[in-house]
Amino acid sequence: MYKMVVLDLDGTLLNDKKQISERNVEIIKKIYKEKGVLFVIATGRDMHYVVNVTKKIKNAASQYMIASNGAIIKDNMKNEYILKNCIDQIDALKMTDAYRKRNMEGLVYTCREKVTEEERQAKANSDAKLVKDLKSYLENNMSPILMLTVCGNEKDLEEIKQEIEIEFSELEATDICDFLCDLGEEVYQTKYIDIMKKGSSKANAIKIIADYLHIHKEEIIAMGDGANDLPMFEAAGYRVAMENGNEKLKAQADYITTTNNQDGVAKALEEIFYKGEDKA
């Protein structure tokens, strides 16, 4: 019997307009109420964004949260952090120089806010603060740095990943992911990597929460779409990939559901928890 469902946000629980459908909300609440299953959000987004997103779901998915790709875990019931894995300021500054030299775009996640110096990034990430000079911001920032997101073409991103492996012993990066945001008047699409302090991952965060709650791997379901969800699959007994997901991720999935724009989360949950039952 499954006791915990871990959900990615972008491309999974959220549609391309960055909204949660009513059908997804209803089935999550239904399973939480009827079967006592705990839902945990695991995302590359910051904690403030997760809190705003889960307001519609309320208690069903707000007790424990994984943000910044596992760099941060919060127990909302106790209002305390289980984990905060922060990046050294010097490493953050060096990494900012590395991607700016390649004319790439980036965002920085701190415990207080998310910032960027590119208007396009601020538009695609409505919760991000636009600053004139990101390096200057980092030099004067007093809030711990949790993660950096770097956007660009695949070649440049691969070079950044190689540079991290060679020159940044305290950092690690996700596989290259795809980001898509329907802004109404246009669709913004890019490739990106998330950079965290070594030891940060969705997989590690899930294991920490599972140990904390005495839940076994076989009792965990993970749902995702991106390459940064590959580690999350390692910590789950049953793995669900979105139809719009990364091909490597889909190859490791036990079940492939419909897209994030077609209530894929709800469809998978109904199949897993209510197959053969009246789904009304």
C-alpha atoms as a PDB file:
ATOM      1  CA  MET A   1       0.000   0.000   0.000  1.00  0.00           C
ATOM      2  CA  TYR A   2       1.350   3.406  -0.951  1.00  0.00           C
ATOM      3  CA  LYS A   3       1.768   5.981   1.809  1.00  0.00           C
ATOM      4  CA  MET A   4       3.434   8.907   0.049  1.00  0.00           C
ATOM      5  CA  VAL A   5       3.197  10.508  -3.400  1.00  0.00           C
ATOM      6  CA  VAL A   6       5.974  12.896  -4.440  1.00  0.00           C
ATOM      7  CA  LEU A   7       5.015  15.402  -7.144  1.00  0.00           C
ATOM      8  CA  ASP A   8       7.169  17.627  -9.314  1.00  0.00           C
ATOM      9  CA  LEU A   9       5.592  20.977 -10.248  1.00  0.00           C
ATOM     10  CA  ASP A  10       6.601  22.384 -13.671  1.00  0.00           C
ATOM     11  CA  GLY A  11       5.578  20.074 -16.470  1.00  0.00           C
ATOM     12  CA  THR A  12       3.903  17.704 -14.012  1.00  0.00           C
ATOM     13  CA  LEU A  13       1.366  19.062 -11.530  1.00  0.00           C
ATOM     14  CA  LEU A  14       1.330  22.475 -13.245  1.00  0.00           C
ATOM     15  CA  ASN A  15       0.144  22.988 -16.817  1.00  0.00           C
ATOM     16  CA  ASP A  16       2.079  25.194 -19.234  1.00  0.00           C
ATOM     17  CA  LYS A  17       0.302  28.262 -17.840  1.00  0.00           C
ATOM     18  CA  LYS A  18       1.742  27.327 -14.430  1.00  0.00           C
ATOM     19  CA  GLN A  19      -1.661  26.496 -12.977  1.00  0.00           C
ATOM     20  CA  ILE A  20      -3.036  23.451 -11.136  1.00  0.00           C
ATOM     21  CA  SER A  21      -6.203  22.114 -12.723  1.00  0.00           C
ATOM     22  CA  GLU A  22      -9.317  21.558 -10.644  1.00  0.00           C
ATOM     23  CA  ARG A  23      -9.237  17.864 -11.542  1.00  0.00           C
ATOM     24  CA  ASN A  24      -5.716  17.485 -10.131  1.00  0.00           C
ATOM     25  CA  VAL A  25      -6.706  19.324  -6.950  1.00  0.00           C
ATOM     26  CA  GLU A  26      -9.835  17.220  -6.450  1.00  0.00           C
ATOM     27  CA  ILE A  27      -8.141  13.822  -6.827  1.00  0.00           C
ATOM     28  CA  ILE A  28      -5.260  14.775  -4.502  1.00  0.00           C
ATOM     29  CA  LYS A  29      -7.712  15.910  -1.813  1.00  0.00           C
ATOM     30  CA  LYS A  30      -9.824  12.792  -2.347  1.00  0.00           C
ATOM     31  CA  ILE A  31      -6.915  10.357  -1.942  1.00  0.00           C
ATOM     32  CA  TYR A  32      -5.569  12.252   1.075  1.00  0.00           C
ATOM     33  CA  LYS A  33      -8.970  12.165   2.774  1.00  0.00           C
ATOM     34  CA  GLU A  34     -10.063   8.642   1.847  1.00  0.00           C
ATOM     35  CA  LYS A  35      -6.755   6.759   1.891  1.00  0.00           C
ATOM     36  CA  GLY A  36      -4.562   8.849   4.191  1.00  0.00           C
ATOM     37  CA  VAL A  37      -1.830   9.208   1.583  1.00  0.00           C
ATOM     38  CA  LEU A  38       0.645  12.038   2.132  1.00  0.00           C
ATOM     39  CA  PHE A  39       1.481  14.255  -0.875  1.00  0.00           C
ATOM     40  CA  VAL A  40       4.857  15.989  -1.006  1.00  0.00           C
ATOM     41  CA  ILE A  41       5.900  18.623  -3.540  1.00  0.00           C
ATOM     42  CA  ALA A  42       9.491  18.202  -4.795  1.00  0.00           C
ATOM     43  CA  THR A  43      10.587  20.974  -7.121  1.00  0.00           C
ATOM     44  CA  GLY A  44      13.440  23.098  -8.332  1.00  0.00           C
ATOM     45  CA  ARG A  45      11.323  26.112  -7.410  1.00  0.00           C
ATOM     46  CA  ASP A  46      11.853  28.055  -4.192  1.00  0.00           C
ATOM     47  CA  MET A  47       9.837  27.511  -1.012  1.00  0.00           C
ATOM     48  CA  HIS A  48       7.788  30.700  -1.391  1.00  0.00           C
ATOM     49  CA  TYR A  49       6.551  29.549  -4.789  1.00  0.00           C
ATOM     50  CA  VAL A  50       5.620  26.115  -3.434  1.00  0.00           C
ATOM     51  CA  VAL A  51       3.607  27.650  -0.596  1.00  0.00           C
ATOM     52  CA  ASN A  52       1.621  29.794  -3.039  1.00  0.00           C
ATOM     53  CA  VAL A  53       0.968  26.872  -5.377  1.00  0.00           C
ATOM     54  CA  THR A  54      -0.242  24.529  -2.645  1.00  0.00           C
ATOM     55  CA  LYS A  55      -2.794  26.961  -1.204  1.00  0.00           C
ATOM     56  CA  LYS A  56      -5.457  25.326  -3.391  1.00  0.00           C
ATOM     57  CA  ILE A  57      -4.559  21.833  -2.179  1.00  0.00           C
ATOM     58  CA  LYS A  58      -4.190  22.878   1.475  1.00  0.00           C
ATOM     59  CA  ASN A  59      -3.319  20.144   4.006  1.00  0.00           C
ATOM     60  CA  ALA A  60      -3.188  17.372   1.399  1.00  0.00           C
ATOM     61  CA  ALA A  61       0.161  18.616   0.047  1.00  0.00           C
ATOM     62  CA  SER A  62       1.503  21.209   2.461  1.00  0.00           C
ATOM     63  CA  GLN A  63       2.811  19.248   5.449  1.00  0.00           C
ATOM     64  CA  TYR A  64       6.297  18.604   4.027  1.00  0.00           C
ATOM     65  CA  MET A  65       7.932  20.393   1.088  1.00  0.00           C
ATOM     66  CA  ILE A  66      11.091  19.859  -0.960  1.00  0.00           C
ATOM     67  CA  ALA A  67      12.364  22.958  -2.770  1.00  0.00           C
ATOM     68  CA  SER A  68      15.428  24.079  -4.734  1.00  0.00           C
ATOM     69  CA  ASN A  69      15.929  20.501  -6.010  1.00  0.00           C
ATOM     70  CA  GLY A  70      16.425  19.090  -2.534  1.00  0.00           C
ATOM     71  CA  ALA A  71      18.609  21.848  -1.100  1.00  0.00           C
ATOM     72  CA  ILE A  72      15.797  22.658   1.274  1.00  0.00           C
ATOM     73  CA  ILE A  73      13.254  20.519   3.145  1.00  0.00           C
ATOM     74  CA  LYS A  74      10.628  22.042   5.405  1.00  0.00           C
ATOM     75  CA  ASP A  75       8.324  20.545   7.998  1.00  0.00           C
ATOM     76  CA  ASN A  76       5.401  22.977   7.842  1.00  0.00           C
ATOM     77  CA  MET A  77       3.595  21.358  10.747  1.00  0.00           C
ATOM     78  CA  LYS A  78       6.454  22.333  13.050  1.00  0.00           C
ATOM     79  CA  ASN A  79       7.350  25.396  10.946  1.00  0.00           C
ATOM     80  CA  GLU A  80      10.995  24.349  10.863  1.00  0.00           C
ATOM     81  CA  TYR A  81      13.553  23.329   8.264  1.00  0.00           C
ATOM     82  CA  ILE A  82      14.748  19.750   8.200  1.00  0.00           C
ATOM     83  CA  LEU A  83      17.527  20.665   5.764  1.00  0.00           C
ATOM     84  CA  LYS A  84      19.130  23.814   4.336  1.00  0.00           C
ATOM     85  CA  ASN A  85      22.059  23.010   2.050  1.00  0.00           C
ATOM     86  CA  CYS A  86      23.552  26.361   1.042  1.00  0.00           C
ATOM     87  CA  ILE A  87      26.054  27.390  -1.648  1.00  0.00           C
ATOM     88  CA  ASP A  88      29.151  29.334  -0.636  1.00  0.00           C
ATOM     89  CA  GLN A  89      28.969  32.973  -1.781  1.00  0.00           C
ATOM     90  CA  ILE A  90      32.359  32.763  -3.531  1.00  0.00           C
ATOM     91  CA  ASP A  91      31.252  29.720  -5.543  1.00  0.00           C
ATOM     92  CA  ALA A  92      28.019  31.527  -6.496  1.00  0.00           C
ATOM     93  CA  LEU A  93      29.986  34.553  -7.717  1.00  0.00           C
ATOM     94  CA  LYS A  94      32.411  32.401  -9.747  1.00  0.00           C
ATOM     95  CA  MET A  95      29.551  30.473 -11.309  1.00  0.00           C
ATOM     96  CA  THR A  96      27.787  33.726 -12.212  1.00  0.00           C
ATOM     97  CA  ASP A  97      30.963  34.879 -13.996  1.00  0.00           C
ATOM     98  CA  ALA A  98      31.218  31.524 -15.809  1.00  0.00           C
ATOM     99  CA  TYR A  99      27.776  31.638 -17.387  1.00  0.00           C
ATOM    100  CA  ARG A 100      27.755  35.398 -18.056  1.00  0.00           C
ATOM    101  CA  LYS A 101      30.952  35.008 -20.111  1.00  0.00           C
ATOM    102  CA  ARG A 102      28.952  32.732 -22.393  1.00  0.00           C
ATOM    103  CA  ASN A 103      26.076  35.242 -22.629  1.00  0.00           C
ATOM    104  CA  MET A 104      23.784  32.831 -20.830  1.00  0.00           C
ATOM    105  CA  GLU A 105      20.901  33.738 -18.537  1.00  0.00           C
ATOM    106  CA  GLY A 106      20.452  32.812 -14.894  1.00  0.00           C
ATOM    107  CA  LEU A 107      18.472  33.002 -11.692  1.00  0.00           C
ATOM    108  CA  VAL A 108      19.658  32.831  -8.103  1.00  0.00           C
ATOM    109  CA  TYR A 109      17.554  31.339  -5.319  1.00  0.00           C
ATOM    110  CA  THR A 110      18.184  32.570  -1.791  1.00  0.00           C
ATOM    111  CA  CYS A 111      16.269  31.750   1.382  1.00  0.00           C
ATOM    112  CA  ARG A 112      14.518  35.086   0.991  1.00  0.00           C
ATOM    113  CA  GLU A 113      13.836  35.519  -2.732  1.00  0.00           C
ATOM    114  CA  LYS A 114      14.603  34.567  -6.334  1.00  0.00           C
ATOM    115  CA  VAL A 115      16.485  37.111  -8.444  1.00  0.00           C
ATOM    116  CA  THR A 116      17.578  37.611 -12.045  1.00  0.00           C
ATOM    117  CA  GLU A 117      19.032  40.395 -14.168  1.00  0.00           C
ATOM    118  CA  GLU A 118      17.230  39.347 -17.368  1.00  0.00           C
ATOM    119  CA  GLU A 119      13.763  40.728 -18.119  1.00  0.00           C
ATOM    120  CA  ARG A 120      12.828  37.590 -20.043  1.00  0.00           C
ATOM    121  CA  GLN A 121      13.549  35.423 -17.013  1.00  0.00           C
ATOM    122  CA  ALA A 122      11.573  37.742 -14.754  1.00  0.00           C
ATOM    123  CA  LYS A 123       8.630  37.528 -17.126  1.00  0.00           C
ATOM    124  CA  ALA A 124       8.737  33.725 -17.313  1.00  0.00           C
ATOM    125  CA  ASN A 125       9.224  33.501 -13.531  1.00  0.00           C
ATOM    126  CA  SER A 126       6.672  35.939 -12.186  1.00  0.00           C
ATOM    127  CA  ASP A 127       7.867  35.487  -8.603  1.00  0.00           C
ATOM    128  CA  ALA A 128      11.441  36.551  -9.481  1.00  0.00           C
ATOM    129  CA  LYS A 129      12.887  39.934  -8.515  1.00  0.00           C
ATOM    130  CA  LEU A 130      14.577  41.841 -11.354  1.00  0.00           C
ATOM    131  CA  VAL A 131      17.926  43.431 -10.417  1.00  0.00           C
ATOM    132  CA  LYS A 132      20.323  45.526 -12.519  1.00  0.00           C
ATOM    133  CA  ASP A 133      23.478  43.573 -11.669  1.00  0.00           C
ATOM    134  CA  LEU A 134      23.253  40.028 -10.320  1.00  0.00           C
ATOM    135  CA  LYS A 135      26.928  39.904  -9.329  1.00  0.00           C
ATOM    136  CA  SER A 136      26.554  43.089  -7.281  1.00  0.00           C
ATOM    137  CA  TYR A 137      23.447  41.631  -5.680  1.00  0.00           C
ATOM    138  CA  LEU A 138      25.341  38.479  -4.666  1.00  0.00           C
ATOM    139  CA  GLU A 139      28.243  40.484  -3.238  1.00  0.00           C
ATOM    140  CA  ASN A 140      25.841  42.356  -0.951  1.00  0.00           C
ATOM    141  CA  ASN A 141      23.377  39.544  -0.317  1.00  0.00           C
ATOM    142  CA  MET A 142      22.931  38.546   3.314  1.00  0.00           C
ATOM    143  CA  SER A 143      20.531  35.664   2.716  1.00  0.00           C
ATOM    144  CA  PRO A 144      21.908  32.094   2.248  1.00  0.00           C
ATOM    145  CA  ILE A 145      22.117  30.971  -1.405  1.00  0.00           C
ATOM    146  CA  LEU A 146      20.329  27.708  -2.132  1.00  0.00           C
ATOM    147  CA  MET A 147      20.542  27.239  -5.900  1.00  0.00           C
ATOM    148  CA  LEU A 148      21.416  28.776  -9.255  1.00  0.00           C
ATOM    149  CA  THR A 149      19.559  28.100 -12.497  1.00  0.00           C
ATOM    150  CA  VAL A 150      21.462  28.631 -15.751  1.00  0.00           C
ATOM    151  CA  CYS A 151      19.598  28.813 -19.081  1.00  0.00           C
ATOM    152  CA  GLY A 152      21.030  28.489 -22.572  1.00  0.00           C
ATOM    153  CA  ASN A 153      21.740  26.135 -25.443  1.00  0.00           C
ATOM    154  CA  GLU A 154      22.755  22.534 -24.879  1.00  0.00           C
ATOM    155  CA  LYS A 155      26.409  23.030 -25.906  1.00  0.00           C
ATOM    156  CA  ASP A 156      27.005  25.857 -23.433  1.00  0.00           C
ATOM    157  CA  LEU A 157      25.178  24.021 -20.672  1.00  0.00           C
ATOM    158  CA  GLU A 158      27.343  20.939 -21.187  1.00  0.00           C
ATOM    159  CA  GLU A 159      30.443  23.150 -20.918  1.00  0.00           C
ATOM    160  CA  ILE A 160      29.157  24.637 -17.663  1.00  0.00           C
ATOM    161  CA  LYS A 161      28.519  21.132 -16.300  1.00  0.00           C
ATOM    162  CA  GLN A 162      32.069  20.080 -17.196  1.00  0.00           C
ATOM    163  CA  GLU A 163      33.479  23.208 -15.570  1.00  0.00           C
ATOM    164  CA  ILE A 164      31.580  22.409 -12.375  1.00  0.00           C
ATOM    165  CA  GLU A 165      33.021  18.870 -12.274  1.00  0.00           C
ATOM    166  CA  ILE A 166      36.572  20.157 -12.726  1.00  0.00           C
ATOM    167  CA  GLU A 167      36.655  23.434 -10.790  1.00  0.00           C
ATOM    168  CA  PHE A 168      33.811  23.396  -8.254  1.00  0.00           C
ATOM    169  CA  SER A 169      34.286  20.561  -5.783  1.00  0.00           C
ATOM    170  CA  GLU A 170      31.395  21.727  -3.575  1.00  0.00           C
ATOM    171  CA  LEU A 171      28.823  22.063  -6.369  1.00  0.00           C
ATOM    172  CA  GLU A 172      26.839  19.693  -8.568  1.00  0.00           C
ATOM    173  CA  ALA A 173      24.406  20.190 -11.441  1.00  0.00           C
ATOM    174  CA  THR A 174      21.318  18.415 -12.688  1.00  0.00           C
ATOM    175  CA  ASP A 175      21.043  16.922 -16.135  1.00  0.00           C
ATOM    176  CA  ILE A 176      19.926  19.365 -18.829  1.00  0.00           C
ATOM    177  CA  CYS A 177      16.193  20.065 -18.538  1.00  0.00           C
ATOM    178  CA  ASP A 178      13.557  21.743 -20.688  1.00  0.00           C
ATOM    179  CA  PHE A 179      11.475  24.700 -19.505  1.00  0.00           C
ATOM    180  CA  LEU A 180       8.293  25.869 -21.189  1.00  0.00           C
ATOM    181  CA  CYS A 181       5.999  28.678 -20.060  1.00  0.00           C
ATOM    182  CA  ASP A 182       2.845  29.797 -21.866  1.00  0.00           C
ATOM    183  CA  LEU A 183       2.784  33.552 -21.261  1.00  0.00           C
ATOM    184  CA  GLY A 184      -0.387  34.069 -23.286  1.00  0.00           C
ATOM    185  CA  GLU A 185       1.024  36.387 -25.947  1.00  0.00           C
ATOM    186  CA  GLU A 186       4.054  34.123 -26.419  1.00  0.00           C
ATOM    187  CA  VAL A 187       5.526  30.798 -25.340  1.00  0.00           C
ATOM    188  CA  TYR A 188       8.929  30.974 -23.689  1.00  0.00           C
ATOM    189  CA  GLN A 189      11.022  27.827 -24.054  1.00  0.00           C
ATOM    190  CA  THR A 190      14.608  27.134 -23.042  1.00  0.00           C
ATOM    191  CA  LYS A 191      17.016  24.513 -21.727  1.00  0.00           C
ATOM    192  CA  TYR A 192      18.535  24.826 -18.278  1.00  0.00           C
ATOM    193  CA  ILE A 193      20.462  23.208 -15.448  1.00  0.00           C
ATOM    194  CA  ASP A 194      20.074  23.713 -11.709  1.00  0.00           C
ATOM    195  CA  ILE A 195      23.247  24.066  -9.642  1.00  0.00           C
ATOM    196  CA  MET A 196      23.235  23.195  -5.940  1.00  0.00           C
ATOM    197  CA  LYS A 197      25.666  22.411  -3.175  1.00  0.00           C
ATOM    198  CA  LYS A 198      26.901  18.832  -3.469  1.00  0.00           C
ATOM    199  CA  GLY A 199      24.609  16.411  -1.686  1.00  0.00           C
ATOM    200  CA  SER A 200      21.423  18.213  -2.704  1.00  0.00           C
ATOM    201  CA  SER A 201      18.955  16.194  -4.749  1.00  0.00           C
ATOM    202  CA  LYS A 202      15.292  15.307  -4.798  1.00  0.00           C
ATOM    203  CA  ALA A 203      16.279  11.689  -4.131  1.00  0.00           C
ATOM    204  CA  ASN A 204      18.197  12.554  -0.977  1.00  0.00           C
ATOM    205  CA  ALA A 205      15.374  14.803   0.234  1.00  0.00           C
ATOM    206  CA  ILE A 206      12.767  12.072  -0.306  1.00  0.00           C
ATOM    207  CA  LYS A 207      14.910   9.580   1.628  1.00  0.00           C
ATOM    208  CA  ILE A 208      15.248  12.051   4.505  1.00  0.00           C
ATOM    209  CA  ILE A 209      11.468  12.588   4.721  1.00  0.00           C
ATOM    210  CA  ALA A 210      10.788   8.854   4.326  1.00  0.00           C
ATOM    211  CA  ASP A 211      13.180   8.023   7.168  1.00  0.00           C
ATOM    212  CA  TYR A 212      11.664  10.819   9.237  1.00  0.00           C
ATOM    213  CA  LEU A 213       8.190   9.305   8.783  1.00  0.00           C
ATOM    214  CA  HIS A 214       9.249   5.622   8.742  1.00  0.00           C
ATOM    215  CA  ILE A 215       8.019   5.128   5.164  1.00  0.00           C
ATOM    216  CA  HIS A 216       9.679   2.466   2.989  1.00  0.00           C
ATOM    217  CA  LYS A 217      10.794   3.019  -0.603  1.00  0.00           C
ATOM    218  CA  GLU A 218       8.187   0.517  -1.835  1.00  0.00           C
ATOM    219  CA  GLU A 219       5.469   2.718  -0.304  1.00  0.00           C
ATOM    220  CA  ILE A 220       6.477   5.814  -2.307  1.00  0.00           C
ATOM    221  CA  ILE A 221       5.197   6.992  -5.710  1.00  0.00           C
ATOM    222  CA  ALA A 222       7.160   9.649  -7.625  1.00  0.00           C
ATOM    223  CA  MET A 223       5.792  11.666 -10.554  1.00  0.00           C
ATOM    224  CA  GLY A 224       7.875  13.904 -12.777  1.00  0.00           C
ATOM    225  CA  ASP A 225       8.726  15.068 -16.271  1.00  0.00           C
ATOM    226  CA  GLY A 226      12.265  16.449 -16.346  1.00  0.00           C
ATOM    227  CA  ALA A 227      15.827  15.203 -16.296  1.00  0.00           C
ATOM    228  CA  ASN A 228      16.172  16.625 -12.789  1.00  0.00           C
ATOM    229  CA  ASP A 229      13.515  14.093 -11.727  1.00  0.00           C
ATOM    230  CA  LEU A 230      15.755  11.131 -12.568  1.00  0.00           C
ATOM    231  CA  PRO A 231      17.276  11.081  -9.049  1.00  0.00           C
ATOM    232  CA  MET A 232      13.760  11.277  -7.589  1.00  0.00           C
ATOM    233  CA  PHE A 233      12.826   8.043  -9.357  1.00  0.00           C
ATOM    234  CA  GLU A 234      15.689   6.295  -7.534  1.00  0.00           C
ATOM    235  CA  ALA A 235      13.980   6.930  -4.200  1.00  0.00           C
ATOM    236  CA  ALA A 236      10.528   5.641  -5.197  1.00  0.00           C
ATOM    237  CA  GLY A 237       8.973   2.206  -5.444  1.00  0.00           C
ATOM    238  CA  TYR A 238       6.636   3.235  -8.274  1.00  0.00           C
ATOM    239  CA  ARG A 239       7.579   5.820 -10.907  1.00  0.00           C
ATOM    240  CA  VAL A 240       5.236   7.829 -13.107  1.00  0.00           C
ATOM    241  CA  ALA A 241       6.445   9.952 -16.029  1.00  0.00           C
ATOM    242  CA  MET A 242       4.434  12.518 -17.949  1.00  0.00           C
ATOM    243  CA  GLU A 243       3.833  12.027 -21.658  1.00  0.00           C
ATOM    244  CA  ASN A 244       5.516  15.417 -22.183  1.00  0.00           C
ATOM    245  CA  GLY A 245       8.506  14.252 -20.160  1.00  0.00           C
ATOM    246  CA  ASN A 246      12.180  13.640 -20.795  1.00  0.00           C
ATOM    247  CA  GLU A 247      12.842  10.462 -22.796  1.00  0.00           C
ATOM    248  CA  LYS A 248      15.392   9.121 -20.277  1.00  0.00           C
ATOM    249  CA  LEU A 249      12.851   9.592 -17.511  1.00  0.00           C
ATOM    250  CA  LYS A 250      10.089   7.859 -19.468  1.00  0.00           C
ATOM    251  CA  ALA A 251      12.407   4.914 -20.108  1.00  0.00           C
ATOM    252  CA  GLN A 252      12.679   4.375 -16.336  1.00  0.00           C
ATOM    253  CA  ALA A 253       8.968   4.843 -15.588  1.00  0.00           C
ATOM    254  CA  ASP A 254       6.588   2.121 -14.461  1.00  0.00           C
ATOM    255  CA  TYR A 255       3.695   4.096 -15.924  1.00  0.00           C
ATOM    256  CA  ILE A 256       3.456   6.931 -18.467  1.00  0.00           C
ATOM    257  CA  THR A 257       0.449   9.162 -18.026  1.00  0.00           C
ATOM    258  CA  THR A 258      -0.974  11.921 -20.240  1.00  0.00           C
ATOM    259  CA  THR A 259       0.574  15.389 -20.470  1.00  0.00           C
ATOM    260  CA  ASN A 260       0.588  18.108 -17.839  1.00  0.00           C
ATOM    261  CA  ASN A 261      -1.990  19.970 -19.963  1.00  0.00           C
ATOM    262  CA  GLN A 262      -4.294  16.931 -19.920  1.00  0.00           C
ATOM    263  CA  ASP A 263      -4.502  16.356 -16.140  1.00  0.00           C
ATOM    264  CA  GLY A 264      -1.846  13.641 -16.323  1.00  0.00           C
ATOM    265  CA  VAL A 265      -1.363  13.619 -12.541  1.00  0.00           C
ATOM    266  CA  ALA A 266      -5.078  13.019 -11.917  1.00  0.00           C
ATOM    267  CA  LYS A 267      -5.215  10.284 -14.548  1.00  0.00           C
ATOM    268  CA  ALA A 268      -2.289   8.415 -13.013  1.00  0.00           C
ATOM    269  CA  LEU A 269      -3.612   8.759  -9.466  1.00  0.00           C
ATOM    270  CA  GLU A 270      -7.037   7.477 -10.482  1.00  0.00           C
ATOM    271  CA  GLU A 271      -5.412   4.511 -12.214  1.00  0.00           C
ATOM    272  CA  ILE A 272      -3.211   3.670  -9.223  1.00  0.00           C
ATOM    273  CA  PHE A 273      -5.666   4.219  -6.370  1.00  0.00           C
ATOM    274  CA  TYR A 274      -9.082   3.653  -7.895  1.00  0.00           C
ATOM    275  CA  LYS A 275      -8.624   1.139 -10.703  1.00  0.00           C
ATOM    276  CA  GLY A 276     -11.678  -1.079 -10.818  1.00  0.00           C
ATOM    277  CA  GLU A 277     -13.593   1.190  -8.453  1.00  0.00           C
ATOM    278  CA  ASP A 278     -16.217   3.835  -9.015  1.00  0.00           C
ATOM    279  CA  LYS A 279     -14.206   7.007  -9.672  1.00  0.00           C
ATOM    280  CA  ALA A 280     -17.122   9.366  -9.187  1.00  0.00           C
END
